[in-house]
C-alpha atoms as a PDB file:
ATOM      1  CA  MET A   1      -0.143  -0.159  -0.113  1.00  0.00           C
ATOM      2  CA  GLU A   2       3.135   2.340   0.635  1.00  0.00           C
ATOM      3  CA  ILE A   3       4.928   1.669  -2.342  1.00  0.00           C
ATOM      4  CA  PHE A   4       1.498   2.436  -4.520  1.00  0.00           C
ATOM      5  CA  LEU A   5       1.354   5.719  -2.813  1.00  0.00           C
ATOM      6  CA  LYS A   6       4.479   6.633  -3.484  1.00  0.00           C
ATOM      7  CA  VAL A   7       4.165   6.243  -6.870  1.00  0.00           C
ATOM      8  CA  LEU A   8       0.806   7.652  -6.965  1.00  0.00           C
ATOM      9  CA  LEU A   9       2.234  10.855  -5.495  1.00  0.00           C
ATOM     10  CA  ILE A  10       5.214  10.904  -8.127  1.00  0.00           C
ATOM     11  CA  VAL A  11       2.776  10.779 -10.874  1.00  0.00           C
ATOM     12  CA  PHE A  12       0.479  13.075  -9.486  1.00  0.00           C
ATOM     13  CA  SER A  13       4.223  15.525  -9.199  1.00  0.00           C
ATOM     14  CA  ILE A  14       4.813  15.305 -12.785  1.00  0.00           C
ATOM     15  CA  ALA A  15       1.680  15.665 -13.891  1.00  0.00           C
ATOM     16  CA  VAL A  16       1.593  19.191 -12.039  1.00  0.00           C
ATOM     17  CA  ILE A  17       4.944  20.094 -13.125  1.00  0.00           C
ATOM     18  CA  ALA A  18       3.447  19.430 -16.210  1.00  0.00           C
ATOM     19  CA  VAL A  19       0.108  21.074 -16.560  1.00  0.00           C
ATOM     20  CA  VAL A  20       1.698  24.610 -14.531  1.00  0.00           C
ATOM     21  CA  LEU A  21       4.344  24.847 -17.340  1.00  0.00           C
ATOM     22  CA  LEU A  22       1.632  24.236 -19.997  1.00  0.00           C
ATOM     23  CA  GLN A  23      -0.287  27.289 -18.466  1.00  0.00           C
ATOM     24  CA  LYS A  24       0.706  30.818 -20.090  1.00  0.00           C
ATOM     25  CA  GLY A  25       2.150  33.502 -17.998  1.00  0.00           C
ATOM     26  CA  LYS A  26      -0.508  35.674 -16.140  1.00  0.00           C
ATOM     27  CA  SER A  27       0.901  39.147 -16.302  1.00  0.00           C
ATOM     28  CA  ALA A  28       4.068  40.358 -18.290  1.00  0.00           C
ATOM     29  CA  GLY A  29       6.488  41.039 -15.458  1.00  0.00           C
ATOM     30  CA  LEU A  30       6.570  44.166 -12.755  1.00  0.00           C
ATOM     31  CA  SER A  31       4.593  46.111 -14.606  1.00  0.00           C
ATOM     32  CA  GLY A  32       2.249  43.525 -14.975  1.00  0.00           C
ATOM     33  CA  ALA A  33       2.040  43.458 -11.524  1.00  0.00           C
ATOM     34  CA  ILE A  34       1.603  46.602 -10.242  1.00  0.00           C
ATOM     35  CA  SER A  35      -1.307  47.100 -12.983  1.00  0.00           C
ATOM     36  CA  GLY A  36      -2.764  43.976 -13.362  1.00  0.00           C
ATOM     37  CA  GLY A  37      -3.675  42.916 -10.354  1.00  0.00           C
ATOM     38  CA  ALA A  38      -6.306  45.087  -9.921  1.00  0.00           C
ATOM     39  CA  GLU A  39      -7.941  42.921 -12.864  1.00  0.00           C
ATOM     40  CA  HIS A  40      -7.482  39.637 -11.252  1.00  0.00           C
ATOM     41  CA  LEU A  41      -8.650  40.586  -8.013  1.00  0.00           C
ATOM     42  CA  PHE A  42     -11.991  41.565  -8.934  1.00  0.00           C
ATOM     43  CA  GLY A  43     -11.930  39.107 -12.108  1.00  0.00           C
ATOM     44  CA  LYS A  44     -12.947  41.294 -14.680  1.00  0.00           C
ATOM     45  CA  THR A  45     -10.168  38.987 -16.794  1.00  0.00           C
ATOM     46  CA  LYS A  46     -12.347  35.081 -17.101  1.00  0.00           C
ATOM     47  CA  ALA A  47     -10.073  32.720 -18.477  1.00  0.00           C
ATOM     48  CA  ARG A  48     -11.505  30.912 -21.536  1.00  0.00           C
ATOM     49  CA  GLY A  49     -11.253  27.598 -23.637  1.00  0.00           C
ATOM     50  CA  MET A  50      -7.473  25.645 -22.708  1.00  0.00           C
ATOM     51  CA  ASP A  51      -6.452  27.991 -19.636  1.00  0.00           C
ATOM     52  CA  LEU A  52      -9.797  27.722 -18.448  1.00  0.00           C
ATOM     53  CA  ILE A  53      -9.466  24.026 -18.401  1.00  0.00           C
ATOM     54  CA  LEU A  54      -5.738  23.451 -17.778  1.00  0.00           C
ATOM     55  CA  GLN A  55      -6.660  25.903 -14.441  1.00  0.00           C
ATOM     56  CA  ARG A  56      -9.061  23.560 -13.626  1.00  0.00           C
ATOM     57  CA  VAL A  57      -6.650  20.305 -14.219  1.00  0.00           C
ATOM     58  CA  THR A  58      -4.105  22.144 -11.625  1.00  0.00           C
ATOM     59  CA  ALA A  59      -6.681  23.011  -8.586  1.00  0.00           C
ATOM     60  CA  VAL A  60      -7.728  19.039  -9.005  1.00  0.00           C
ATOM     61  CA  LEU A  61      -4.347  18.001  -9.275  1.00  0.00           C
ATOM     62  CA  GLY A  62      -3.161  20.007  -6.278  1.00  0.00           C
ATOM     63  CA  ALA A  63      -5.623  18.781  -3.804  1.00  0.00           C
ATOM     64  CA  GLY A  64      -5.193  15.007  -4.934  1.00  0.00           C
ATOM     65  CA  PHE A  65      -1.443  15.729  -4.117  1.00  0.00           C
ATOM     66  CA  MET A  66      -2.145  17.114  -1.364  1.00  0.00           C
ATOM     67  CA  ILE A  67      -4.358  14.397  -0.323  1.00  0.00           C
ATOM     68  CA  VAL A  68      -1.437  11.547  -1.425  1.00  0.00           C
ATOM     69  CA  SER A  69       1.049  13.367   0.894  1.00  0.00           C
ATOM     70  CA  VAL A  70      -0.765  13.286   3.867  1.00  0.00           C
ATOM     71  CA  LEU A  71      -1.803   9.408   3.255  1.00  0.00           C
ATOM     72  CA  VAL A  72       1.856   8.786   2.573  1.00  0.00           C
ATOM     73  CA  ALA A  73       3.008  10.174   5.583  1.00  0.00           C
ATOM     74  CA  PHE A  74       0.288   8.845   7.878  1.00  0.00           C
ATOM     75  CA  PHE A  75       1.087   5.089   6.431  1.00  0.00           C
ATOM     76  CA  ALA A  76       4.908   6.226   6.862  1.00  0.00           C
ATOM     77  CA  LYS A  77       4.528   5.555  10.229  1.00  0.00           C
END
């Protein structure tokens, strides 16, 4: 069981890295961080198409990674 969870953790970590690298940058450096922060805060920019899918997949994979990490730590006792 412990080996299966560790392999699953490796799969989740590689998947999270791949999905994050596929996403486009959300800002244009320092100027984007200063001027574009309000747009992201109030939700004026909406992700569409592939950006939305990658955003949701990243959230699911991140949650799965955290759950499997806790399970690995629990069963490692």
